[in-house]
Amino acid sequence: MLRDTVVRRLAHEPFGWRPTTLEVRVRRYRCPGCGQVWRQDTSPAAEPRARLSRRGLRWALEALVTQHLTVARIADALGVAWTGW
């Protein structure tokens, strides 16, 4: 079994209104016999294919509901792009 790692970058809860990026090292495995590839489960940190960590998402929802911040302001605080429809 071969193994290497990839880095997954997630927008995380801001630290003092400064964007924070969470870097998660994900182990990747490959079966030498069949060539199948699979990765370590990162669901405790974020949903699959998500750009926000679970804590970043919670922070964004709390800011939207309790602090009445705009989505653009939240995206700016998280350091992610926001484009309206």
N, C-alpha and C. Protein backbone atom coordinates (compact mmCIF):
# COMPACT_ATOMS: atom_id res chain seq x y z
N MET A 1 0.85 -1.17 0.00
CA MET A 1 0.00 0.00 0.00
C MET A 1 0.90 1.24 0.00
N LEU A 2 0.68 2.11 -0.95
CA LEU A 2 1.42 3.36 -1.05
C LEU A 2 0.66 4.45 -0.33
N ARG A 3 1.38 5.41 0.22
CA ARG A 3 0.73 6.48 0.96
C ARG A 3 1.42 7.80 0.68
N ASP A 4 0.64 8.85 0.55
CA ASP A 4 1.17 10.21 0.50
C ASP A 4 0.13 11.12 1.15
N THR A 5 0.38 12.41 1.16
CA THR A 5 -0.56 13.34 1.78
C THR A 5 -0.84 14.50 0.83
N VAL A 6 -2.01 15.05 0.98
CA VAL A 6 -2.39 16.28 0.29
C VAL A 6 -2.85 17.27 1.35
N VAL A 7 -2.74 18.54 1.06
CA VAL A 7 -3.16 19.57 2.00
C VAL A 7 -4.49 20.13 1.54
N ARG A 8 -5.45 20.14 2.44
CA ARG A 8 -6.76 20.72 2.16
C ARG A 8 -6.86 22.02 2.93
N ARG A 9 -7.13 23.10 2.23
CA ARG A 9 -7.22 24.43 2.85
C ARG A 9 -8.68 24.82 3.01
N LEU A 10 -9.04 25.19 4.23
CA LEU A 10 -10.41 25.57 4.55
C LEU A 10 -10.43 26.95 5.20
N ALA A 11 -11.39 27.78 4.78
CA ALA A 11 -11.60 29.05 5.46
C ALA A 11 -12.15 28.72 6.85
N HIS A 12 -11.56 29.34 7.87
CA HIS A 12 -11.90 29.00 9.25
C HIS A 12 -12.38 30.26 9.97
N GLU A 13 -12.85 30.09 11.18
CA GLU A 13 -13.33 31.21 11.99
C GLU A 13 -12.28 32.31 12.06
N PRO A 14 -12.66 33.57 11.78
CA PRO A 14 -11.68 34.67 11.84
C PRO A 14 -11.08 34.83 13.23
N PHE A 15 -9.85 35.28 13.25
CA PHE A 15 -9.16 35.56 14.50
C PHE A 15 -9.01 37.07 14.59
N GLY A 16 -9.84 37.70 15.41
CA GLY A 16 -9.80 39.16 15.51
C GLY A 16 -10.16 39.85 14.21
N TRP A 17 -11.13 39.35 13.49
CA TRP A 17 -11.59 39.86 12.21
C TRP A 17 -10.54 39.73 11.11
N ARG A 18 -9.57 38.88 11.32
CA ARG A 18 -8.59 38.60 10.26
C ARG A 18 -8.87 37.20 9.74
N PRO A 19 -8.93 37.05 8.42
CA PRO A 19 -9.21 35.73 7.85
C PRO A 19 -8.19 34.69 8.31
N THR A 20 -8.67 33.50 8.58
CA THR A 20 -7.84 32.39 9.03
C THR A 20 -8.05 31.20 8.11
N THR A 21 -6.96 30.57 7.72
CA THR A 21 -7.05 29.38 6.88
C THR A 21 -6.59 28.18 7.68
N LEU A 22 -7.43 27.16 7.69
CA LEU A 22 -7.11 25.91 8.36
C LEU A 22 -6.53 24.96 7.31
N GLU A 23 -5.32 24.49 7.54
CA GLU A 23 -4.70 23.55 6.62
C GLU A 23 -4.72 22.16 7.24
N VAL A 24 -5.39 21.25 6.57
CA VAL A 24 -5.55 19.89 7.06
C VAL A 24 -4.75 18.97 6.15
N ARG A 25 -3.85 18.19 6.73
CA ARG A 25 -3.12 17.19 5.95
C ARG A 25 -3.97 15.94 5.86
N VAL A 26 -4.26 15.54 4.65
CA VAL A 26 -5.12 14.39 4.40
C VAL A 26 -4.26 13.26 3.84
N ARG A 27 -4.28 12.13 4.51
CA ARG A 27 -3.53 10.97 4.01
C ARG A 27 -4.28 10.37 2.83
N ARG A 28 -3.51 10.01 1.80
CA ARG A 28 -4.09 9.39 0.61
C ARG A 28 -3.41 8.04 0.41
N TYR A 29 -4.21 7.02 0.19
CA TYR A 29 -3.70 5.66 0.05
C TYR A 29 -4.01 5.13 -1.35
N ARG A 30 -3.12 4.25 -1.86
CA ARG A 30 -3.33 3.62 -3.15
C ARG A 30 -2.98 2.14 -3.04
N CYS A 31 -3.88 1.30 -3.51
CA CYS A 31 -3.65 -0.14 -3.52
C CYS A 31 -2.76 -0.47 -4.72
N PRO A 32 -1.60 -1.09 -4.48
CA PRO A 32 -0.72 -1.40 -5.61
C PRO A 32 -1.29 -2.47 -6.54
N GLY A 33 -2.19 -3.29 -6.04
CA GLY A 33 -2.76 -4.34 -6.87
C GLY A 33 -3.79 -3.84 -7.87
N CYS A 34 -4.80 -3.11 -7.36
CA CYS A 34 -5.90 -2.67 -8.23
C CYS A 34 -5.82 -1.20 -8.60
N GLY A 35 -4.99 -0.42 -7.92
CA GLY A 35 -4.84 0.99 -8.23
C GLY A 35 -5.91 1.88 -7.61
N GLN A 36 -6.78 1.33 -6.78
CA GLN A 36 -7.82 2.13 -6.15
C GLN A 36 -7.20 3.13 -5.18
N VAL A 37 -7.73 4.35 -5.18
CA VAL A 37 -7.23 5.41 -4.31
C VAL A 37 -8.33 5.83 -3.35
N TRP A 38 -7.99 6.02 -2.08
CA TRP A 38 -8.94 6.55 -1.11
C TRP A 38 -8.21 7.46 -0.16
N ARG A 39 -8.99 8.34 0.49
CA ARG A 39 -8.42 9.34 1.39
C ARG A 39 -8.94 9.17 2.80
N GLN A 40 -8.19 9.74 3.72
CA GLN A 40 -8.59 9.77 5.12
C GLN A 40 -9.89 10.57 5.25
N ASP A 41 -10.74 10.17 6.18
CA ASP A 41 -12.01 10.84 6.40
C ASP A 41 -11.78 12.19 7.08
N THR A 42 -12.21 13.26 6.44
CA THR A 42 -12.07 14.60 7.01
C THR A 42 -13.42 15.21 7.38
N SER A 43 -14.45 14.39 7.47
CA SER A 43 -15.78 14.92 7.76
C SER A 43 -15.88 15.62 9.13
N PRO A 44 -15.07 15.29 10.14
CA PRO A 44 -15.16 16.09 11.38
C PRO A 44 -14.72 17.55 11.17
N ALA A 45 -13.86 17.82 10.20
CA ALA A 45 -13.39 19.18 9.95
C ALA A 45 -14.32 19.95 9.02
N ALA A 46 -14.84 19.27 7.98
CA ALA A 46 -15.70 19.94 7.00
C ALA A 46 -16.41 18.90 6.15
N GLU A 47 -17.49 19.33 5.53
CA GLU A 47 -18.20 18.47 4.59
C GLU A 47 -17.30 18.20 3.38
N PRO A 48 -17.52 17.10 2.68
CA PRO A 48 -16.74 16.85 1.47
C PRO A 48 -16.91 17.99 0.46
N ARG A 49 -15.83 18.41 -0.15
CA ARG A 49 -15.78 19.48 -1.15
C ARG A 49 -16.13 20.87 -0.61
N ALA A 50 -16.24 21.02 0.68
CA ALA A 50 -16.57 22.33 1.27
C ALA A 50 -15.33 23.21 1.28
N ARG A 51 -15.54 24.51 1.23
CA ARG A 51 -14.46 25.49 1.32
C ARG A 51 -14.37 26.10 2.71
N LEU A 52 -15.40 25.87 3.54
CA LEU A 52 -15.43 26.38 4.91
C LEU A 52 -15.33 25.23 5.89
N SER A 53 -14.58 25.46 6.96
CA SER A 53 -14.57 24.46 8.04
C SER A 53 -15.92 24.50 8.75
N ARG A 54 -16.19 23.47 9.53
CA ARG A 54 -17.46 23.47 10.27
C ARG A 54 -17.54 24.67 11.22
N ARG A 55 -16.44 25.00 11.87
CA ARG A 55 -16.44 26.15 12.80
C ARG A 55 -16.59 27.47 12.03
N GLY A 56 -16.00 27.56 10.85
CA GLY A 56 -16.16 28.75 10.02
C GLY A 56 -17.60 28.93 9.57
N LEU A 57 -18.25 27.84 9.22
CA LEU A 57 -19.65 27.89 8.82
C LEU A 57 -20.52 28.31 9.99
N ARG A 58 -20.24 27.76 11.16
CA ARG A 58 -21.02 28.14 12.35
C ARG A 58 -20.84 29.62 12.67
N TRP A 59 -19.60 30.11 12.58
CA TRP A 59 -19.33 31.52 12.83
C TRP A 59 -20.11 32.38 11.84
N ALA A 60 -20.12 31.99 10.57
CA ALA A 60 -20.83 32.76 9.55
C ALA A 60 -22.33 32.81 9.83
N LEU A 61 -22.90 31.68 10.20
CA LEU A 61 -24.33 31.67 10.49
C LEU A 61 -24.67 32.50 11.73
N GLU A 62 -23.83 32.42 12.75
CA GLU A 62 -24.06 33.24 13.95
C GLU A 62 -23.94 34.73 13.63
N ALA A 63 -22.97 35.09 12.80
CA ALA A 63 -22.79 36.49 12.42
C ALA A 63 -23.98 37.00 11.61
N LEU A 64 -24.52 36.15 10.77
CA LEU A 64 -25.67 36.53 9.95
C LEU A 64 -26.92 36.72 10.80
N VAL A 65 -27.16 35.80 11.72
CA VAL A 65 -28.40 35.81 12.49
C VAL A 65 -28.33 36.75 13.69
N THR A 66 -27.28 36.66 14.49
CA THR A 66 -27.25 37.44 15.73
C THR A 66 -26.63 38.82 15.57
N GLN A 67 -25.66 38.96 14.68
CA GLN A 67 -25.01 40.26 14.51
C GLN A 67 -25.53 41.03 13.30
N HIS A 68 -26.39 40.39 12.50
CA HIS A 68 -27.02 41.01 11.33
C HIS A 68 -25.99 41.53 10.33
N LEU A 69 -24.89 40.81 10.17
CA LEU A 69 -23.89 41.21 9.19
C LEU A 69 -24.35 40.80 7.79
N THR A 70 -23.91 41.53 6.80
CA THR A 70 -24.25 41.18 5.42
C THR A 70 -23.40 39.98 4.99
N VAL A 71 -23.86 39.30 3.97
CA VAL A 71 -23.13 38.15 3.46
C VAL A 71 -21.79 38.61 2.89
N ALA A 72 -21.76 39.77 2.27
CA ALA A 72 -20.50 40.29 1.74
C ALA A 72 -19.50 40.55 2.86
N ARG A 73 -19.95 41.08 3.98
CA ARG A 73 -19.06 41.35 5.13
C ARG A 73 -18.56 40.05 5.74
N ILE A 74 -19.43 39.05 5.81
CA ILE A 74 -19.04 37.75 6.35
C ILE A 74 -18.00 37.11 5.44
N ALA A 75 -18.24 37.15 4.14
CA ALA A 75 -17.28 36.58 3.18
C ALA A 75 -15.94 37.28 3.28
N ASP A 76 -15.96 38.59 3.46
CA ASP A 76 -14.71 39.35 3.61
C ASP A 76 -13.97 38.94 4.88
N ALA A 77 -14.69 38.75 5.97
CA ALA A 77 -14.07 38.35 7.23
C ALA A 77 -13.48 36.94 7.14
N LEU A 78 -14.13 36.08 6.37
CA LEU A 78 -13.64 34.71 6.21
C LEU A 78 -12.54 34.61 5.15
N GLY A 79 -12.40 35.64 4.33
CA GLY A 79 -11.37 35.62 3.28
C GLY A 79 -11.77 34.76 2.09
N VAL A 80 -13.06 34.68 1.82
CA VAL A 80 -13.54 33.92 0.67
C VAL A 80 -14.26 34.87 -0.29
N ALA A 81 -14.44 34.43 -1.52
CA ALA A 81 -15.10 35.26 -2.51
C ALA A 81 -16.61 35.15 -2.37
N TRP A 82 -17.29 36.25 -2.58
CA TRP A 82 -18.74 36.24 -2.60
C TRP A 82 -19.19 37.03 -3.82
N THR A 83 -19.96 36.41 -4.66
CA THR A 83 -20.54 37.10 -5.80
C THR A 83 -22.04 36.94 -5.74
N GLY A 84 -22.75 38.02 -5.85
CA GLY A 84 -24.21 37.98 -5.82
C GLY A 84 -24.77 37.38 -7.10
N TRP A 85 -26.05 37.10 -7.06
CA TRP A 85 -26.68 36.49 -8.25
C TRP A 85 -27.10 37.54 -9.22
